[in-house]
Amino acid sequence: MNSQKRATVYFDAEVHRVLRLKAAASDRSISEMVNDAVKATLAEDAQDLAAFSERKSEKSVSFDEFVRGLRRRGRI
C-alpha cells in the first residue's frame, strides 16, 4: 500500500543544484533525501520534547541567578 503524499517544495536554485548532484552521486531521488532529512529533524524534535518532559519537575533558574552563581563560584 502506497501511503505517500505529494507536496510542492521550492528550493533556492543553488540548493536544488546541489541536491540534484548529491542525488545522482548517491543513486537516490531528491524526494528520498528530503524525506529522510525531515524524518531526522522530526526525530530530534521528539527527543527534545521527551527531554523537556523528563526535566519539567526540575527547578527553573533565571539567567541572572545563573550568572550570580558563576560569579560566586569564581567561574567568571
PDB file of N, CA and C in Angstrom:
ATOM      1  N   MET A   1       0.839  -1.188   0.000  1.00  0.00           N
ATOM      2  CA  MET A   1       0.000   0.000   0.000  1.00  0.00           C
ATOM      3  C   MET A   1       0.881   1.249   0.000  1.00  0.00           C
ATOM      4  N   ASN A   2       0.621   2.142  -0.925  1.00  0.00           N
ATOM      5  CA  ASN A   2       1.411   3.359  -1.061  1.00  0.00           C
ATOM      6  C   ASN A   2       0.768   4.466  -0.227  1.00  0.00           C
ATOM      7  N   SER A   3       1.443   4.895   0.814  1.00  0.00           N
ATOM      8  CA  SER A   3       0.890   5.926   1.689  1.00  0.00           C
ATOM      9  C   SER A   3       1.611   7.255   1.499  1.00  0.00           C
ATOM     10  N   GLN A   4       2.269   7.426   0.379  1.00  0.00           N
ATOM     11  CA  GLN A   4       2.979   8.667   0.116  1.00  0.00           C
ATOM     12  C   GLN A   4       2.006   9.764  -0.286  1.00  0.00           C
ATOM     13  N   LYS A   5       2.339  10.981   0.083  1.00  0.00           N
ATOM     14  CA  LYS A   5       1.557  12.160  -0.293  1.00  0.00           C
ATOM     15  C   LYS A   5       2.461  13.100  -1.070  1.00  0.00           C
ATOM     16  N   ARG A   6       1.872  13.820  -1.966  1.00  0.00           N
ATOM     17  CA  ARG A   6       2.623  14.734  -2.807  1.00  0.00           C
ATOM     18  C   ARG A   6       2.601  16.129  -2.200  1.00  0.00           C
ATOM     19  N   ALA A   7       3.739  16.833  -2.268  1.00  0.00           N
ATOM     20  CA  ALA A   7       3.836  18.218  -1.812  1.00  0.00           C
ATOM     21  C   ALA A   7       4.769  18.966  -2.752  1.00  0.00           C
ATOM     22  N   THR A   8       4.544  20.240  -2.892  1.00  0.00           N
ATOM     23  CA  THR A   8       5.429  21.071  -3.696  1.00  0.00           C
ATOM     24  C   THR A   8       6.334  21.845  -2.757  1.00  0.00           C
ATOM     25  N   VAL A   9       7.625  21.732  -3.007  1.00  0.00           N
ATOM     26  CA  VAL A   9       8.621  22.426  -2.190  1.00  0.00           C
ATOM     27  C   VAL A   9       9.486  23.259  -3.122  1.00  0.00           C
ATOM     28  N   TYR A  10       9.740  24.501  -2.751  1.00  0.00           N
ATOM     29  CA  TYR A  10      10.575  25.372  -3.554  1.00  0.00           C
ATOM     30  C   TYR A  10      11.931  25.533  -2.879  1.00  0.00           C
ATOM     31  N   PHE A  11      13.000  25.271  -3.637  1.00  0.00           N
ATOM     32  CA  PHE A  11      14.364  25.400  -3.138  1.00  0.00           C
ATOM     33  C   PHE A  11      15.041  26.577  -3.833  1.00  0.00           C
ATOM     34  N   ASP A  12      16.002  27.171  -3.146  1.00  0.00           N
ATOM     35  CA  ASP A  12      16.880  28.120  -3.819  1.00  0.00           C
ATOM     36  C   ASP A  12      17.559  27.385  -4.967  1.00  0.00           C
ATOM     37  N   ALA A  13      17.874  28.090  -6.032  1.00  0.00           N
ATOM     38  CA  ALA A  13      18.464  27.464  -7.218  1.00  0.00           C
ATOM     39  C   ALA A  13      19.741  26.701  -6.878  1.00  0.00           C
ATOM     40  N   GLU A  14      20.578  27.275  -6.044  1.00  0.00           N
ATOM     41  CA  GLU A  14      21.854  26.629  -5.686  1.00  0.00           C
ATOM     42  C   GLU A  14      21.610  25.370  -4.853  1.00  0.00           C
ATOM     43  N   VAL A  15      20.659  25.435  -3.927  1.00  0.00           N
ATOM     44  CA  VAL A  15      20.327  24.266  -3.111  1.00  0.00           C
ATOM     45  C   VAL A  15      19.799  23.148  -4.006  1.00  0.00           C
ATOM     46  N   HIS A  16      18.951  23.497  -4.948  1.00  0.00           N
ATOM     47  CA  HIS A  16      18.401  22.494  -5.860  1.00  0.00           C
ATOM     48  C   HIS A  16      19.499  21.851  -6.697  1.00  0.00           C
ATOM     49  N   ARG A  17      20.441  22.659  -7.162  1.00  0.00           N
ATOM     50  CA  ARG A  17      21.552  22.122  -7.956  1.00  0.00           C
ATOM     51  C   ARG A  17      22.366  21.130  -7.142  1.00  0.00           C
ATOM     52  N   VAL A  18      22.666  21.477  -5.903  1.00  0.00           N
ATOM     53  CA  VAL A  18      23.446  20.590  -5.036  1.00  0.00           C
ATOM     54  C   VAL A  18      22.656  19.325  -4.716  1.00  0.00           C
ATOM     55  N   LEU A  19      21.363  19.466  -4.488  1.00  0.00           N
ATOM     56  CA  LEU A  19      20.521  18.291  -4.234  1.00  0.00           C
ATOM     57  C   LEU A  19      20.531  17.339  -5.431  1.00  0.00           C
ATOM     58  N   ARG A  20      20.408  17.899  -6.636  1.00  0.00           N
ATOM     59  CA  ARG A  20      20.428  17.042  -7.832  1.00  0.00           C
ATOM     60  C   ARG A  20      21.759  16.311  -7.956  1.00  0.00           C
ATOM     61  N   LEU A  21      22.855  17.018  -7.704  1.00  0.00           N
ATOM     62  CA  LEU A  21      24.177  16.389  -7.786  1.00  0.00           C
ATOM     63  C   LEU A  21      24.339  15.286  -6.746  1.00  0.00           C
ATOM     64  N   LYS A  22      23.913  15.584  -5.522  1.00  0.00           N
ATOM     65  CA  LYS A  22      24.030  14.581  -4.455  1.00  0.00           C
ATOM     66  C   LYS A  22      23.124  13.383  -4.735  1.00  0.00           C
ATOM     67  N   ALA A  23      21.938  13.643  -5.239  1.00  0.00           N
ATOM     68  CA  ALA A  23      21.012  12.555  -5.566  1.00  0.00           C
ATOM     69  C   ALA A  23      21.622  11.646  -6.637  1.00  0.00           C
ATOM     70  N   ALA A  24      22.202  12.240  -7.651  1.00  0.00           N
ATOM     71  CA  ALA A  24      22.812  11.450  -8.717  1.00  0.00           C
ATOM     72  C   ALA A  24      24.005  10.660  -8.195  1.00  0.00           C
ATOM     73  N   ALA A  25      24.813  11.280  -7.341  1.00  0.00           N
ATOM     74  CA  ALA A  25      26.004  10.614  -6.810  1.00  0.00           C
ATOM     75  C   ALA A  25      25.648   9.472  -5.865  1.00  0.00           C
ATOM     76  N   SER A  26      24.525   9.589  -5.170  1.00  0.00           N
ATOM     77  CA  SER A  26      24.148   8.568  -4.184  1.00  0.00           C
ATOM     78  C   SER A  26      23.089   7.601  -4.715  1.00  0.00           C
ATOM     79  N   ASP A  27      22.720   7.776  -5.978  1.00  0.00           N
ATOM     80  CA  ASP A  27      21.712   6.926  -6.617  1.00  0.00           C
ATOM     81  C   ASP A  27      20.397   6.936  -5.829  1.00  0.00           C
ATOM     82  N   ARG A  28      20.012   8.123  -5.368  1.00  0.00           N
ATOM     83  CA  ARG A  28      18.758   8.316  -4.641  1.00  0.00           C
ATOM     84  C   ARG A  28      18.012   9.467  -5.288  1.00  0.00           C
ATOM     85  N   SER A  29      16.744   9.567  -5.007  1.00  0.00           N
ATOM     86  CA  SER A  29      15.979  10.700  -5.523  1.00  0.00           C
ATOM     87  C   SER A  29      16.048  11.859  -4.527  1.00  0.00           C
ATOM     88  N   ILE A  30      15.767  13.050  -5.042  1.00  0.00           N
ATOM     89  CA  ILE A  30      15.690  14.212  -4.163  1.00  0.00           C
ATOM     90  C   ILE A  30      14.598  13.982  -3.122  1.00  0.00           C
ATOM     91  N   SER A  31      13.491  13.399  -3.538  1.00  0.00           N
ATOM     92  CA  SER A  31      12.395  13.124  -2.601  1.00  0.00           C
ATOM     93  C   SER A  31      12.848  12.230  -1.455  1.00  0.00           C
ATOM     94  N   GLU A  32      13.617  11.191  -1.769  1.00  0.00           N
ATOM     95  CA  GLU A  32      14.120  10.297  -0.713  1.00  0.00           C
ATOM     96  C   GLU A  32      15.009  11.052   0.263  1.00  0.00           C
ATOM     97  N   MET A  33      15.898  11.884  -0.272  1.00  0.00           N
ATOM     98  CA  MET A  33      16.815  12.624   0.597  1.00  0.00           C
ATOM     99  C   MET A  33      16.066  13.628   1.468  1.00  0.00           C
ATOM    100  N   VAL A  34      15.111  14.346   0.887  1.00  0.00           N
ATOM    101  CA  VAL A  34      14.346  15.325   1.658  1.00  0.00           C
ATOM    102  C   VAL A  34      13.496  14.615   2.705  1.00  0.00           C
ATOM    103  N   ASN A  35      12.871  13.508   2.325  1.00  0.00           N
ATOM    104  CA  ASN A  35      12.053  12.740   3.262  1.00  0.00           C
ATOM    105  C   ASN A  35      12.893  12.267   4.451  1.00  0.00           C
ATOM    106  N   ASP A  36      14.092  11.742   4.180  1.00  0.00           N
ATOM    107  CA  ASP A  36      14.976  11.294   5.258  1.00  0.00           C
ATOM    108  C   ASP A  36      15.405  12.449   6.153  1.00  0.00           C
ATOM    109  N   ALA A  37      15.695  13.606   5.545  1.00  0.00           N
ATOM    110  CA  ALA A  37      16.109  14.776   6.329  1.00  0.00           C
ATOM    111  C   ALA A  37      14.977  15.261   7.233  1.00  0.00           C
ATOM    112  N   VAL A  38      13.758  15.275   6.707  1.00  0.00           N
ATOM    113  CA  VAL A  38      12.603  15.705   7.507  1.00  0.00           C
ATOM    114  C   VAL A  38      12.356  14.720   8.645  1.00  0.00           C
ATOM    115  N   LYS A  39      12.447  13.418   8.343  1.00  0.00           N
ATOM    116  CA  LYS A  39      12.274  12.409   9.398  1.00  0.00           C
ATOM    117  C   LYS A  39      13.307  12.578  10.502  1.00  0.00           C
ATOM    118  N   ALA A  40      14.559  12.841  10.122  1.00  0.00           N
ATOM    119  CA  ALA A  40      15.621  13.033  11.117  1.00  0.00           C
ATOM    120  C   ALA A  40      15.327  14.254  11.982  1.00  0.00           C
ATOM    121  N   THR A  41      14.871  15.323  11.372  1.00  0.00           N
ATOM    122  CA  THR A  41      14.535  16.532  12.128  1.00  0.00           C
ATOM    123  C   THR A  41      13.380  16.284  13.080  1.00  0.00           C
ATOM    124  N   LEU A  42      12.355  15.568  12.616  1.00  0.00           N
ATOM    125  CA  LEU A  42      11.219  15.254  13.486  1.00  0.00           C
ATOM    126  C   LEU A  42      11.630  14.337  14.632  1.00  0.00           C
ATOM    127  N   ALA A  43      12.554  13.415  14.379  1.00  0.00           N
ATOM    128  CA  ALA A  43      13.046  12.536  15.443  1.00  0.00           C
ATOM    129  C   ALA A  43      13.795  13.349  16.499  1.00  0.00           C
ATOM    130  N   GLU A  44      14.600  14.329  16.053  1.00  0.00           N
ATOM    131  CA  GLU A  44      15.300  15.207  17.000  1.00  0.00           C
ATOM    132  C   GLU A  44      14.296  15.994  17.833  1.00  0.00           C
ATOM    133  N   ASP A  45      13.238  16.489  17.188  1.00  0.00           N
ATOM    134  CA  ASP A  45      12.204  17.225  17.923  1.00  0.00           C
ATOM    135  C   ASP A  45      11.557  16.333  18.979  1.00  0.00           C
ATOM    136  N   ALA A  46      11.292  15.090  18.622  1.00  0.00           N
ATOM    137  CA  ALA A  46      10.680  14.152  19.570  1.00  0.00           C
ATOM    138  C   ALA A  46      11.610  13.916  20.758  1.00  0.00           C
ATOM    139  N   GLN A  47      12.910  13.805  20.500  1.00  0.00           N
ATOM    140  CA  GLN A  47      13.880  13.624  21.588  1.00  0.00           C
ATOM    141  C   GLN A  47      13.895  14.862  22.488  1.00  0.00           C
ATOM    142  N   ASP A  48      13.869  16.049  21.874  1.00  0.00           N
ATOM    143  CA  ASP A  48      13.853  17.284  22.661  1.00  0.00           C
ATOM    144  C   ASP A  48      12.610  17.359  23.538  1.00  0.00           C
ATOM    145  N   LEU A  49      11.453  17.022  22.972  1.00  0.00           N
ATOM    146  CA  LEU A  49      10.217  17.059  23.746  1.00  0.00           C
ATOM    147  C   LEU A  49      10.252  16.063  24.901  1.00  0.00           C
ATOM    148  N   ALA A  50      10.837  14.886  24.651  1.00  0.00           N
ATOM    149  CA  ALA A  50      10.960  13.891  25.723  1.00  0.00           C
ATOM    150  C   ALA A  50      11.873  14.409  26.827  1.00  0.00           C
ATOM    151  N   ALA A  51      12.969  15.062  26.447  1.00  0.00           N
ATOM    152  CA  ALA A  51      13.892  15.612  27.442  1.00  0.00           C
ATOM    153  C   ALA A  51      13.218  16.703  28.262  1.00  0.00           C
ATOM    154  N   PHE A  52      12.460  17.567  27.598  1.00  0.00           N
ATOM    155  CA  PHE A  52      11.732  18.607  28.328  1.00  0.00           C
ATOM    156  C   PHE A  52      10.741  17.989  29.303  1.00  0.00           C
ATOM    157  N   SER A  53      10.061  16.959  28.859  1.00  0.00           N
ATOM    158  CA  SER A  53       9.075  16.294  29.707  1.00  0.00           C
ATOM    159  C   SER A  53       9.736  15.671  30.930  1.00  0.00           C
ATOM    160  N   GLU A  54      10.896  15.036  30.722  1.00  0.00           N
ATOM    161  CA  GLU A  54      11.616  14.409  31.838  1.00  0.00           C
ATOM    162  C   GLU A  54      12.111  15.432  32.847  1.00  0.00           C
ATOM    163  N   ARG A  55      12.411  16.648  32.376  1.00  0.00           N
ATOM    164  CA  ARG A  55      13.011  17.648  33.253  1.00  0.00           C
ATOM    165  C   ARG A  55      12.020  18.692  33.751  1.00  0.00           C
ATOM    166  N   LYS A  56      10.728  18.512  33.459  1.00  0.00           N
ATOM    167  CA  LYS A  56       9.752  19.550  33.816  1.00  0.00           C
ATOM    168  C   LYS A  56       9.637  19.786  35.312  1.00  0.00           C
ATOM    169  N   SER A  57      10.007  18.807  36.128  1.00  0.00           N
ATOM    170  CA  SER A  57       9.903  18.983  37.577  1.00  0.00           C
ATOM    171  C   SER A  57      11.159  19.614  38.179  1.00  0.00           C
ATOM    172  N   GLU A  58      12.197  19.822  37.372  1.00  0.00           N
ATOM    173  CA  GLU A  58      13.414  20.449  37.889  1.00  0.00           C
ATOM    174  C   GLU A  58      13.172  21.934  38.167  1.00  0.00           C
ATOM    175  N   LYS A  59      13.912  22.432  39.124  1.00  0.00           N
ATOM    176  CA  LYS A  59      13.816  23.841  39.489  1.00  0.00           C
ATOM    177  C   LYS A  59      14.333  24.700  38.334  1.00  0.00           C
ATOM    178  N   SER A  60      13.596  25.753  38.034  1.00  0.00           N
ATOM    179  CA  SER A  60      13.995  26.687  36.998  1.00  0.00           C
ATOM    180  C   SER A  60      14.922  27.741  37.599  1.00  0.00           C
ATOM    181  N   VAL A  61      15.958  28.107  36.853  1.00  0.00           N
ATOM    182  CA  VAL A  61      16.908  29.120  37.318  1.00  0.00           C
ATOM    183  C   VAL A  61      16.944  30.228  36.280  1.00  0.00           C
ATOM    184  N   SER A  62      16.770  31.462  36.716  1.00  0.00           N
ATOM    185  CA  SER A  62      16.815  32.584  35.779  1.00  0.00           C
ATOM    186  C   SER A  62      18.259  32.806  35.334  1.00  0.00           C
ATOM    187  N   PHE A  63      18.405  33.499  34.233  1.00  0.00           N
ATOM    188  CA  PHE A  63      19.736  33.794  33.719  1.00  0.00           C
ATOM    189  C   PHE A  63      20.542  34.582  34.742  1.00  0.00           C
ATOM    190  N   ASP A  64      19.903  35.585  35.365  1.00  0.00           N
ATOM    191  CA  ASP A  64      20.604  36.403  36.369  1.00  0.00           C
ATOM    192  C   ASP A  64      21.103  35.548  37.530  1.00  0.00           C
ATOM    193  N   GLU A  65      20.252  34.639  38.020  1.00  0.00           N
ATOM    194  CA  GLU A  65      20.659  33.744  39.111  1.00  0.00           C
ATOM    195  C   GLU A  65      21.838  32.876  38.683  1.00  0.00           C
ATOM    196  N   PHE A  66      21.776  32.383  37.470  1.00  0.00           N
ATOM    197  CA  PHE A  66      22.829  31.526  36.954  1.00  0.00           C
ATOM    198  C   PHE A  66      24.159  32.271  36.906  1.00  0.00           C
ATOM    199  N   VAL A  67      24.144  33.511  36.402  1.00  0.00           N
ATOM    200  CA  VAL A  67      25.370  34.315  36.307  1.00  0.00           C
ATOM    201  C   VAL A  67      25.894  34.631  37.698  1.00  0.00           C
ATOM    202  N   ARG A  68      25.004  34.980  38.641  1.00  0.00           N
ATOM    203  CA  ARG A  68      25.454  35.257  40.014  1.00  0.00           C
ATOM    204  C   ARG A  68      26.113  34.023  40.628  1.00  0.00           C
ATOM    205  N   GLY A  69      25.559  32.850  40.371  1.00  0.00           N
ATOM    206  CA  GLY A  69      26.158  31.616  40.874  1.00  0.00           C
ATOM    207  C   GLY A  69      27.537  31.376  40.290  1.00  0.00           C
ATOM    208  N   LEU A  70      27.703  31.668  39.015  1.00  0.00           N
ATOM    209  CA  LEU A  70      29.031  31.526  38.391  1.00  0.00           C
ATOM    210  C   LEU A  70      30.035  32.476  39.038  1.00  0.00           C
ATOM    211  N   ARG A  71      29.600  33.706  39.274  1.00  0.00           N
ATOM    212  CA  ARG A  71      30.496  34.678  39.926  1.00  0.00           C
ATOM    213  C   ARG A  71      30.855  34.240  41.341  1.00  0.00           C
ATOM    214  N   ARG A  72      29.850  33.760  42.076  1.00  0.00           N
ATOM    215  CA  ARG A  72      30.077  33.305  43.461  1.00  0.00           C
ATOM    216  C   ARG A  72      31.121  32.178  43.499  1.00  0.00           C
ATOM    217  N   ARG A  73      31.061  31.293  42.512  1.00  0.00           N
ATOM    218  CA  ARG A  73      31.999  30.169  42.481  1.00  0.00           C
ATOM    219  C   ARG A  73      33.309  30.499  41.775  1.00  0.00           C
ATOM    220  N   GLY A  74      33.482  31.783  41.383  1.00  0.00           N
ATOM    221  CA  GLY A  74      34.732  32.195  40.755  1.00  0.00           C
ATOM    222  C   GLY A  74      34.906  31.693  39.316  1.00  0.00           C
ATOM    223  N   ARG A  75      33.823  31.335  38.671  1.00  0.00           N
ATOM    224  CA  ARG A  75      33.913  30.843  37.276  1.00  0.00           C
ATOM    225  C   ARG A  75      34.014  31.979  36.272  1.00  0.00           C
ATOM    226  N   ILE A  76      33.469  33.138  36.660  1.00  0.00           N
ATOM    227  CA  ILE A  76      33.587  34.330  35.801  1.00  0.00           C
ATOM    228  C   ILE A  76      33.919  35.534  36.635  1.00  0.00           C
TER     229      ILE A  76
END
